[in-house]
Protein backbone atom coordinates (compact mmCIF):
# COMPACT_ATOMS: atom_id res chain seq x y z
CA MET A 1 67.00 251.04 -5.20
CA ALA A 2 67.74 249.64 -8.52
CA LYS A 3 65.86 245.98 -9.07
CA THR A 4 67.78 242.66 -9.33
CA ASN A 5 67.50 240.69 -12.55
CA SER A 6 64.30 239.10 -11.96
CA SER A 7 64.85 236.34 -14.29
CA ASN A 8 68.16 234.93 -12.21
CA ALA A 9 65.87 234.13 -8.85
CA VAL A 10 62.73 232.07 -7.99
CA LEU A 11 60.74 233.11 -4.74
CA MET A 12 59.07 230.09 -3.17
CA GLN A 13 56.24 230.73 -0.26
CA PHE A 14 55.72 228.01 2.26
CA ALA A 15 52.23 227.33 3.84
CA LYS A 16 50.33 224.87 5.33
CA TRP A 17 46.70 223.76 4.28
CA PRO A 18 44.37 225.89 6.40
CA GLU A 19 42.50 223.65 8.47
CA ALA A 20 41.00 224.59 11.85
CA GLY A 21 43.27 223.37 14.80
CA ARG A 22 46.28 222.68 12.72
CA VAL A 23 47.52 226.16 11.83
CA LYS A 24 48.70 229.19 14.12
CA THR A 25 47.91 226.93 16.94
CA ARG A 26 49.85 229.24 19.27
CA LEU A 27 47.25 231.80 18.74
CA ILE A 28 44.28 229.40 19.63
CA PRO A 29 44.39 230.79 23.42
CA ALA A 30 43.92 234.29 22.57
CA LEU A 31 41.93 233.89 19.15
CA GLY A 32 39.96 230.41 19.57
CA VAL A 33 40.31 228.01 16.78
CA ASP A 34 38.56 229.64 14.01
CA GLY A 35 40.30 233.14 14.97
CA ALA A 36 43.76 231.40 14.40
CA LEU A 37 42.55 229.83 11.35
CA ARG A 38 41.29 233.34 9.85
CA ALA A 39 44.60 234.82 11.35
CA HIS A 40 46.41 232.01 9.13
CA LEU A 41 44.54 232.98 6.05
CA THR A 42 45.01 236.73 6.68
CA LEU A 43 48.82 236.16 6.87
CA THR A 44 49.21 233.65 4.06
CA LEU A 45 47.29 236.34 1.74
CA ALA A 46 49.37 239.28 2.96
CA VAL A 47 52.71 237.57 2.36
CA LEU A 48 51.30 236.25 -0.95
CA GLU A 49 50.71 239.89 -2.08
CA ASN A 50 54.28 241.38 -0.72
CA LEU A 51 55.91 238.30 -2.32
CA HIS A 52 53.95 238.74 -5.90
CA ARG A 53 54.96 242.75 -5.62
CA SER A 54 58.51 241.90 -5.71
CA GLY A 55 58.40 240.88 -9.22
CA LEU A 56 60.41 237.79 -9.36
CA THR A 57 59.23 234.33 -10.29
CA LEU A 58 56.84 233.11 -7.46
CA GLN A 59 55.75 229.72 -6.43
CA PHE A 60 53.50 228.62 -3.89
CA TRP A 61 54.78 225.36 -1.85
CA TRP A 62 52.17 223.62 0.26
CA ASP A 63 53.02 221.42 3.55
CA ARG A 64 51.48 218.11 2.30
CA GLU A 65 49.95 216.09 -0.36
CA VAL A 66 45.97 216.23 0.50
CA GLU A 67 43.29 214.13 -1.84
CA SER A 68 41.40 217.69 -2.18
CA ALA A 69 41.92 221.04 -1.25
CA PRO A 70 40.35 221.93 2.12
CA VAL A 71 37.29 224.08 1.79
CA ASP A 72 38.66 226.81 4.11
CA ALA A 73 41.73 226.80 1.12
CA VAL A 74 39.56 228.44 -1.44
CA GLU A 75 40.28 232.19 -1.08
CA VAL A 76 44.13 231.19 -0.97
CA VAL A 77 43.74 228.86 -3.96
CA ARG A 78 41.73 231.35 -5.91
CA ALA A 79 44.27 234.00 -5.09
CA ILE A 80 47.23 231.79 -6.24
CA GLU A 81 45.38 230.82 -9.37
CA HIS A 82 44.63 234.77 -10.39
CA ARG A 83 48.46 235.74 -10.02
CA GLY A 84 48.92 232.39 -12.27
CA LEU A 85 51.41 231.00 -9.80
CA GLY A 86 52.52 227.05 -10.03
CA GLN A 87 51.25 225.40 -6.87
CA ARG A 88 53.86 222.64 -5.36
CA ILE A 89 54.09 220.31 -2.47
CA GLN A 90 56.83 220.05 0.03
CA GLN A 91 58.94 216.99 0.23
CA GLY A 92 60.77 215.92 3.40
CA ALA A 93 60.51 214.49 6.86
CA ASN A 94 61.35 217.93 8.73
CA LEU A 95 61.52 221.67 7.92
CA GLY A 96 65.46 221.60 7.19
CA SER A 97 64.64 218.57 4.43
CA ARG A 98 62.02 220.27 2.82
CA MET A 99 63.52 223.51 2.56
CA LEU A 100 66.54 221.98 0.81
CA ASN A 101 64.76 219.83 -1.20
CA ALA A 102 62.66 223.37 -2.41
CA LEU A 103 66.02 225.02 -2.63
CA GLU A 104 67.71 222.31 -5.02
CA ASN A 105 64.34 222.43 -6.94
CA GLY A 106 64.42 226.25 -7.53
CA LEU A 107 68.47 226.07 -8.24
CA GLN A 108 67.77 223.63 -11.36
CA SER A 109 66.20 226.40 -13.29
CA HIS A 110 67.47 229.67 -11.41
CA ALA A 111 70.65 230.89 -10.49
CA TYR A 112 69.26 232.13 -7.09
CA ALA A 113 66.55 230.30 -4.95
CA LEU A 114 64.58 231.96 -1.75
CA ILE A 115 62.03 230.66 0.52
CA VAL A 116 59.99 232.72 2.91
CA GLY A 117 57.16 231.29 5.34
CA SER A 118 53.49 232.48 5.24
CA ASP A 119 53.83 234.03 8.67
CA CYS A 120 56.22 236.41 7.50
CA PRO A 121 54.39 239.83 6.72
CA SER A 122 57.32 241.75 7.63
CA VAL A 123 58.95 240.64 4.26
CA GLU A 124 58.39 243.25 1.97
CA PRO A 125 59.45 243.61 -1.67
CA GLY A 126 62.73 245.63 -0.87
CA TYR A 127 63.59 242.91 1.69
CA VAL A 128 63.28 240.43 -1.14
CA HIS A 129 65.62 242.42 -3.20
CA GLN A 130 67.98 242.81 -0.82
CA ALA A 131 68.13 239.08 -0.40
CA VAL A 132 68.84 238.62 -4.24
CA SER A 133 71.60 241.08 -4.05
CA GLY A 134 73.24 239.32 -1.29
CA LEU A 135 73.44 236.04 -3.07
CA GLU A 136 75.43 237.64 -5.57
CA HIS A 137 78.29 237.83 -3.08
CA TYR A 138 77.19 234.76 -0.45
CA ASP A 139 76.26 231.27 -1.12
CA VAL A 140 73.47 231.47 1.52
CA VAL A 141 71.56 234.72 2.84
CA LEU A 142 69.55 234.65 5.54
CA GLY A 143 66.74 237.14 7.22
CA PRO A 144 67.14 236.82 10.74
CA SER A 145 63.74 236.82 12.66
CA ASP A 146 63.26 238.28 16.09
CA ASP A 147 62.70 235.01 17.81
CA GLY A 148 66.07 233.60 16.97
CA GLY A 149 65.09 232.15 13.74
CA TYR A 150 64.67 233.47 10.25
CA VAL A 151 61.90 234.84 8.05
CA LEU A 152 63.97 234.00 4.63
CA ILE A 153 66.54 231.75 3.53
CA GLY A 154 68.07 232.13 0.16
CA ALA A 155 70.92 230.15 -1.64
CA ARG A 156 72.87 230.27 -4.73
CA ARG A 157 74.54 226.74 -3.78
CA ILE A 158 73.81 224.03 -1.39
CA VAL A 159 75.31 221.16 0.05
CA PRO A 160 73.59 217.93 1.11
CA GLY A 161 72.26 217.82 4.63
CA MET A 162 73.31 221.50 5.25
CA LEU A 163 70.06 221.87 7.30
CA ASP A 164 70.19 218.69 9.21
CA GLY A 165 70.49 218.96 12.71
CA ILE A 166 68.75 222.15 13.44
CA GLU A 167 66.43 222.43 16.29
CA TRP A 168 63.47 223.64 14.48
CA GLY A 169 61.06 225.88 16.62
CA THR A 170 63.58 227.13 18.80
CA GLU A 171 65.50 230.34 19.95
CA GLY A 172 69.03 228.77 18.39
CA VAL A 173 67.70 228.24 15.01
CA LEU A 174 69.92 231.27 13.32
CA GLU A 175 72.96 230.34 15.36
CA GLN A 176 72.79 227.05 14.75
CA THR A 177 71.92 227.08 10.98
CA CYS A 178 75.08 229.51 10.34
CA ILE A 179 77.48 227.24 12.28
CA ARG A 180 76.05 224.34 10.36
CA LEU A 181 76.49 226.35 6.78
CA GLU A 182 79.87 227.48 7.58
CA LYS A 183 81.33 224.13 8.94
CA LEU A 184 80.23 222.93 5.29
CA GLY A 185 82.28 225.86 3.81
CA LEU A 186 79.41 227.74 2.94
CA SER A 187 79.53 231.40 2.73
CA VAL A 188 76.28 233.00 4.82
CA GLY A 189 75.51 236.70 4.88
CA LEU A 190 72.59 238.00 7.01
CA LEU A 191 70.29 240.70 6.50
CA GLU A 192 68.47 243.02 9.02
CA PRO A 193 66.11 241.26 11.55
CA ARG A 194 62.10 241.17 10.67
CA TRP A 195 59.75 239.79 12.54
CA ASP A 196 57.26 236.94 12.03
CA VAL A 197 53.53 235.90 13.60
CA ASP A 198 53.62 233.20 16.20
CA GLU A 199 52.63 234.56 19.38
CA PRO A 200 49.45 236.76 20.31
CA GLU A 201 51.62 239.92 20.88
CA ASP A 202 53.12 239.36 16.98
CA TRP A 203 49.32 239.13 15.91
CA ALA A 204 48.73 242.44 17.34
CA ARG A 205 52.16 243.73 15.80
CA PHE A 206 50.54 242.83 12.51
CA GLN A 207 47.14 244.17 13.27
CA LEU A 208 48.66 247.87 14.07
CA THR A 209 50.46 247.66 10.10
CA LEU A 210 46.91 247.38 9.12
CA GLN A 211 45.85 250.64 10.45
């Protein structure tokens, strides 16, 4: 597969600061608080490696400002710094506004901007390049997830409020987003579905990929 021009795109990994009891909470019943924390760290590092291997300009976006990095974040911060990546802070009252603000930031310096969450280890480098290729034809490209959301969003053009009114965390996220974008006159391209890790069965699926 021909590689896309990496200078045209910026790839942004969204992540929560790793703190026990605040991350991967739906895994806690199966893994415990510490186990869910370790799962979050493992997933974050796996996604970081996948996205880094895409060869695109990569930025790491934390979910909020903190006075000092949590002690459990040391391994992730070290991995980010080892790769020479910029670290930024998401801005906005909800996921939609945070993603829109990041996309807008990325499009100030690149033709295409893409976001992947840290619970999406199924997003491999080839999938990222498919998304970039899709942005040559569509204003927005989405990578559907099996649970009704999406594992990736990319844009070459944005409209204020284009991610408003979405019921985040529900099975209707993808459908609502597509309706919203098309209503605002944005063309939307969909990639093949992928999966993310939210529930214990998702974690088990991820474990099988490591064998």
